[in-house]
């Protein structure tokens, strides 16, 4: 009884075409999980930025004054404008207030003009960038001193923006650390494969193969492994997006997994290629082999 051995096709340099061996599969799974974790971080930041809104481009707050005290409006506007960190201050017109009220009422036939007359007068305060740390406290102090009020919700948004900025910096740091870790995982995997094929590599050296010819198949394998891990991580993002759809709708955000497709694919290819380059740094050409 004869036994038929099936051998996998190999390219010059020892590149083994898919299906990968157990070491490649384990490396792909580990890198995919790491990339999935990175994707979760940036998906959460995407949702946070949508929740905070477009105000980040032009940070502004509103100060409200009772219509019975409008004689203090000009003085209040001057005092706020004198605060360090304030770009400019303008009075919101009654027409703008009525238009906002009509939009807020949803066009249900209610009298927006009558409703808007019961709203306080409003000053729109635009802040300079970068924002002075104490400017919000100074605006609030000036407003309270003259019987006005500042929009507390907008203050919370500004604070949320500061937190998001800090989280984004931490996300870049975590992404860099995880990328290096993933590159080392790919490097160790390919290094084991390289050692297992040492005889093939040595034979290629004896036959006069150049360094790039020996290294290229391993680099391609690393890139392919990284792309596969990136695609797997991207697929794993969708269940999370789908399962949280109702929650997203309730808070007014719309997470998109498509925005992460190219970053995960190219990120995987980058860490895979980097790991392969690290793994093959000790390969030398026959000319330098003593």
Protein backbone atom coordinates (compact mmCIF):
# COMPACT_ATOMS: atom_id res chain seq x y z
CA UNK A 1 0.00 0.00 0.00
CA UNK A 2 1.54 3.25 -1.09
CA UNK A 3 1.25 6.58 0.70
CA UNK A 4 0.81 9.72 -1.39
CA UNK A 5 2.52 12.80 0.03
CA UNK A 6 1.06 16.17 -0.90
CA UNK A 7 3.61 18.94 -0.91
CA UNK A 8 2.77 22.61 -0.95
CA UNK A 9 4.04 24.70 -3.85
CA UNK A 10 7.01 26.87 -2.95
CA UNK A 11 8.54 29.81 -4.71
CA UNK A 12 12.29 30.55 -4.83
CA UNK A 13 13.56 31.67 -1.45
CA UNK A 14 11.34 29.31 0.49
CA UNK A 15 8.04 31.18 0.14
CA UNK A 16 5.28 28.72 0.87
CA UNK A 17 2.01 29.55 -0.83
CA UNK A 18 -1.28 29.27 1.07
CA UNK A 19 -2.55 27.28 2.83
CA UNK A 20 -0.12 28.48 5.47
CA UNK A 21 1.44 26.26 8.07
CA UNK A 22 0.43 26.32 11.73
CA UNK A 23 2.94 29.04 12.61
CA UNK A 24 1.60 31.39 9.93
CA UNK A 25 -2.00 30.70 10.96
CA UNK A 26 -1.28 31.46 14.62
CA UNK A 27 0.58 34.64 13.68
CA UNK A 28 -2.32 35.71 11.44
CA UNK A 29 -4.84 35.17 14.25
CA UNK A 30 -2.75 37.07 16.82
CA UNK A 31 -2.11 39.99 14.47
CA UNK A 32 -5.79 40.04 13.44
CA UNK A 33 -6.88 40.29 17.09
CA UNK A 34 -4.38 43.09 17.69
CA UNK A 35 -5.56 44.97 14.59
CA UNK A 36 -9.17 44.41 15.68
CA UNK A 37 -8.32 46.01 19.04
CA UNK A 38 -6.78 49.00 17.26
CA UNK A 39 -9.88 49.23 15.06
CA UNK A 40 -12.14 49.25 18.12
CA UNK A 41 -10.17 52.14 19.60
CA UNK A 42 -10.47 54.26 16.45
CA UNK A 43 -14.11 53.27 15.94
CA UNK A 44 -14.87 54.51 19.45
CA UNK A 45 -13.07 57.78 18.70
CA UNK A 46 -15.10 58.13 15.50
CA UNK A 47 -18.28 57.82 17.55
CA UNK A 48 -17.02 60.28 20.15
CA UNK A 49 -16.22 62.89 17.52
CA UNK A 50 -19.67 62.48 15.96
CA UNK A 51 -21.32 62.83 19.36
CA UNK A 52 -19.39 65.99 20.21
CA UNK A 53 -20.19 67.42 16.77
CA UNK A 54 -18.63 69.82 14.30
CA UNK A 55 -18.22 72.56 16.90
CA UNK A 56 -14.59 71.42 17.28
CA UNK A 57 -13.65 73.37 14.13
CA UNK A 58 -15.03 76.61 15.62
CA UNK A 59 -15.36 76.45 19.40
CA UNK A 60 -18.14 78.76 20.54
CA UNK A 61 -20.39 79.21 23.56
CA UNK A 62 -23.57 81.17 24.11
CA UNK A 63 -24.35 83.62 26.91
CA UNK A 64 -28.02 84.28 27.69
CA UNK A 65 -29.44 87.54 29.04
CA UNK A 66 -33.01 88.06 30.22
CA UNK A 67 -34.91 90.34 27.83
CA UNK A 68 -35.82 92.59 30.76
CA UNK A 69 -32.11 93.31 31.26
CA UNK A 70 -31.09 93.99 27.65
CA UNK A 71 -29.71 97.39 28.65
CA UNK A 72 -26.68 95.52 30.03
CA UNK A 73 -26.10 93.70 26.72
CA UNK A 74 -23.60 96.20 25.27
CA UNK A 75 -21.55 96.32 28.47
CA UNK A 76 -21.57 92.56 28.79
CA UNK A 77 -20.47 92.19 25.15
CA UNK A 78 -17.53 94.56 25.71
CA UNK A 79 -16.47 92.87 28.94
CA UNK A 80 -16.48 89.41 27.31
CA UNK A 81 -14.55 90.72 24.32
CA UNK A 82 -11.83 91.97 26.68
CA UNK A 83 -11.21 88.43 28.00
CA UNK A 84 -7.96 86.88 26.86
CA UNK A 85 -8.74 84.00 24.50
CA UNK A 86 -12.00 85.38 23.06
CA UNK A 87 -11.93 85.89 19.29
CA UNK A 88 -15.15 87.85 18.83
CA UNK A 89 -18.63 88.28 20.29
CA UNK A 90 -21.85 88.91 18.35
CA UNK A 91 -25.50 89.38 19.25
CA UNK A 92 -27.75 86.64 17.89
CA UNK A 93 -30.58 88.30 15.97
CA UNK A 94 -34.26 87.62 16.62
CA UNK A 95 -34.56 86.22 13.07
CA UNK A 96 -31.91 83.58 13.86
CA UNK A 97 -33.69 82.70 17.09
CA UNK A 98 -37.02 82.32 15.29
CA UNK A 99 -35.43 80.13 12.58
CA UNK A 100 -33.88 77.92 15.25
CA UNK A 101 -37.22 77.68 17.05
CA UNK A 102 -39.04 76.68 13.85
CA UNK A 103 -36.46 73.96 13.20
CA UNK A 104 -36.66 72.75 16.79
CA UNK A 105 -40.48 72.62 16.69
CA UNK A 106 -40.27 70.49 13.57
CA UNK A 107 -42.58 72.58 11.41
CA UNK A 108 -45.74 71.37 13.14
CA UNK A 109 -47.65 74.60 12.63
CA UNK A 110 -46.80 76.10 16.01
CA UNK A 111 -46.16 79.81 16.32
CA UNK A 112 -42.35 80.02 16.40
CA UNK A 113 -42.41 83.82 16.65
CA UNK A 114 -44.45 83.80 19.85
CA UNK A 115 -42.29 81.09 21.38
CA UNK A 116 -39.04 82.85 20.48
CA UNK A 117 -40.18 86.06 22.21
CA UNK A 118 -40.05 84.19 25.51
CA UNK A 119 -36.46 83.11 24.97
CA UNK A 120 -33.59 85.16 26.44
CA UNK A 121 -31.36 87.32 24.26
CA UNK A 122 -28.19 85.51 23.24
CA UNK A 123 -24.55 86.41 22.69
CA UNK A 124 -22.43 84.06 20.59
CA UNK A 125 -18.83 83.94 21.82
CA UNK A 126 -16.16 82.58 19.46
CA UNK A 127 -12.93 81.36 21.08
CA UNK A 128 -9.40 81.56 19.75
CA UNK A 129 -7.38 78.48 18.84
CA UNK A 130 -5.46 77.19 20.65
CA UNK A 131 -7.86 77.87 23.48
CA UNK A 132 -6.65 79.62 26.64
CA UNK A 133 -7.11 77.28 29.59
CA UNK A 134 -9.02 79.79 31.78
CA UNK A 135 -11.14 81.47 29.12
CA UNK A 136 -14.33 79.52 29.87
CA UNK A 137 -14.11 80.25 33.59
CA UNK A 138 -13.53 83.94 32.85
CA UNK A 139 -16.56 84.10 30.53
CA UNK A 140 -18.71 82.40 33.13
CA UNK A 141 -17.55 84.81 35.88
CA UNK A 142 -18.26 87.89 33.74
CA UNK A 143 -21.68 86.55 32.74
CA UNK A 144 -22.72 85.75 36.32
CA UNK A 145 -21.49 89.14 37.54
CA UNK A 146 -23.96 90.84 35.19
CA UNK A 147 -26.90 88.53 35.75
CA UNK A 148 -26.38 86.47 32.59
CA UNK A 149 -25.97 82.73 32.14
CA UNK A 150 -23.64 80.63 30.03
CA UNK A 151 -24.78 77.48 28.20
CA UNK A 152 -23.67 74.66 30.50
CA UNK A 153 -24.13 71.98 27.83
CA UNK A 154 -21.62 73.73 25.59
CA UNK A 155 -19.13 73.83 28.44
CA UNK A 156 -19.51 70.07 28.79
CA UNK A 157 -18.91 69.67 25.05
CA UNK A 158 -15.70 71.68 25.30
CA UNK A 159 -14.54 69.51 28.19
CA UNK A 160 -15.49 66.40 26.19
CA UNK A 161 -13.42 67.72 23.29
CA UNK A 162 -10.42 68.11 25.59
CA UNK A 163 -10.87 64.53 26.78
CA UNK A 164 -11.18 63.31 23.18
CA UNK A 165 -7.96 65.09 22.27
CA UNK A 166 -6.14 63.34 25.11
CA UNK A 167 -7.68 59.98 24.18
CA UNK A 168 -6.64 60.48 20.56
CA UNK A 169 -3.03 61.02 21.61
CA UNK A 170 -3.19 57.89 23.75
CA UNK A 171 -4.75 56.02 20.81
CA UNK A 172 -1.80 56.94 18.56
CA UNK A 173 0.59 55.79 21.29
CA UNK A 174 -1.27 52.49 21.74
CA UNK A 175 -1.42 51.98 17.97
CA UNK A 176 2.34 52.49 17.67
CA UNK A 177 3.11 50.05 20.50
CA UNK A 178 0.73 47.42 19.10
CA UNK A 179 2.19 47.88 15.61
CA UNK A 180 5.68 47.19 16.91
CA UNK A 181 4.41 44.16 18.82
CA UNK A 182 2.67 42.84 15.70
CA UNK A 183 5.83 43.36 13.63
CA UNK A 184 7.82 41.34 16.18
CA UNK A 185 5.22 38.54 16.09
CA UNK A 186 5.48 38.36 12.30
CA UNK A 187 9.26 38.59 12.56
CA UNK A 188 9.50 35.67 15.00
CA UNK A 189 7.14 33.57 12.86
CA UNK A 190 9.10 34.16 9.67
CA UNK A 191 12.37 33.68 11.53
CA UNK A 192 11.28 30.18 12.55
CA UNK A 193 10.29 29.44 8.97
CA UNK A 194 13.61 30.84 7.78
CA UNK A 195 15.54 28.61 10.18
CA UNK A 196 13.50 25.60 9.08
CA UNK A 197 14.48 26.33 5.48
CA UNK A 198 18.11 27.10 6.24
CA UNK A 199 19.30 24.39 3.88
CA UNK A 200 17.28 25.86 1.01
CA UNK A 201 18.60 29.36 1.71
CA UNK A 202 22.16 28.04 1.93
CA UNK A 203 21.73 26.20 -1.37
CA UNK A 204 20.48 29.39 -3.01
CA UNK A 205 23.55 31.23 -1.72
CA UNK A 206 25.82 28.59 -3.21
CA UNK A 207 24.00 28.96 -6.51
CA UNK A 208 24.77 32.69 -6.52
CA UNK A 209 21.40 34.14 -5.45
CA UNK A 210 21.50 37.80 -4.52
CA UNK A 211 20.37 39.06 -1.13
CA UNK A 212 17.20 40.71 -2.47
CA UNK A 213 16.27 37.48 -4.27
CA UNK A 214 16.49 35.51 -1.03
CA UNK A 215 14.70 38.13 1.09
CA UNK A 216 11.88 39.07 -1.31
CA UNK A 217 9.75 35.89 -0.92
CA UNK A 218 9.83 36.20 2.89
CA UNK A 219 8.90 39.89 2.69
CA UNK A 220 6.01 39.05 0.37
CA UNK A 221 4.88 36.34 2.78
CA UNK A 222 4.96 38.85 5.65
CA UNK A 223 2.96 41.40 3.65
CA UNK A 224 0.42 38.74 2.64
CA UNK A 225 0.11 37.59 6.23
CA UNK A 226 -0.47 41.18 7.37
CA UNK A 227 -3.07 41.84 4.67
CA UNK A 228 -4.91 38.65 5.65
CA UNK A 229 -4.86 39.71 9.31
CA UNK A 230 -6.11 43.19 8.41
CA UNK A 231 -8.97 41.82 6.34
CA UNK A 232 -9.91 39.39 9.12
CA UNK A 233 -9.88 42.21 11.69
CA UNK A 234 -12.10 44.31 9.41
CA UNK A 235 -14.63 41.48 9.10
CA UNK A 236 -14.67 41.13 12.89
CA UNK A 237 -15.60 44.83 13.21
CA UNK A 238 -18.99 44.41 11.55
CA UNK A 239 -20.78 42.37 14.25
CA UNK A 240 -19.96 45.12 16.75
CA UNK A 241 -21.26 47.82 14.38
CA UNK A 242 -24.47 45.88 13.72
CA UNK A 243 -25.17 44.91 17.34
CA UNK A 244 -24.80 48.53 18.52
CA UNK A 245 -26.93 50.04 15.74
CA UNK A 246 -29.92 50.86 18.00
CA UNK A 247 -27.65 52.40 20.62
CA UNK A 248 -25.96 54.51 17.94
CA UNK A 249 -29.33 55.78 16.72
CA UNK A 250 -30.37 56.76 20.24
CA UNK A 251 -27.35 59.02 20.76
CA UNK A 252 -27.21 60.33 17.20
CA UNK A 253 -24.08 58.71 15.80
CA UNK A 254 -23.50 56.48 12.78
CA UNK A 255 -20.39 54.30 12.97
CA UNK A 256 -18.95 53.17 9.64
CA UNK A 257 -16.78 50.07 9.35
CA UNK A 258 -15.91 51.02 5.78
CA UNK A 259 -13.78 53.91 7.02
CA UNK A 260 -11.45 51.36 8.64
CA UNK A 261 -11.09 49.06 5.63
CA UNK A 262 -8.05 50.66 3.99
CA UNK A 263 -6.33 51.59 7.29
CA UNK A 264 -6.56 47.99 8.52
CA UNK A 265 -5.46 46.48 5.19
CA UNK A 266 -2.52 48.85 4.68
CA UNK A 267 -1.68 48.77 8.40
CA UNK A 268 -1.54 44.99 8.30
CA UNK A 269 0.63 45.04 5.18
CA UNK A 270 2.97 47.56 6.81
CA UNK A 271 3.52 45.61 10.04
CA UNK A 272 3.81 42.36 8.08
CA UNK A 273 6.43 43.79 5.74
CA UNK A 274 8.31 45.39 8.64
CA UNK A 275 8.34 42.09 10.53
CA UNK A 276 9.65 40.28 7.46
CA UNK A 277 12.44 42.82 7.00
CA UNK A 278 13.44 42.37 10.65
CA UNK A 279 13.40 38.58 10.28
CA UNK A 280 15.64 38.62 7.21
CA UNK A 281 18.21 41.19 8.36
CA UNK A 282 20.88 38.51 8.87
CA UNK A 283 20.58 37.11 5.36
CA UNK A 284 23.75 38.03 3.45
CA UNK A 285 24.66 37.60 -0.15
CA UNK A 286 27.32 35.08 -1.25
CA UNK A 287 29.74 37.90 -2.01
CA UNK A 288 29.96 38.82 1.67
CA UNK A 289 29.76 35.25 2.99
CA UNK A 290 33.21 34.17 4.11
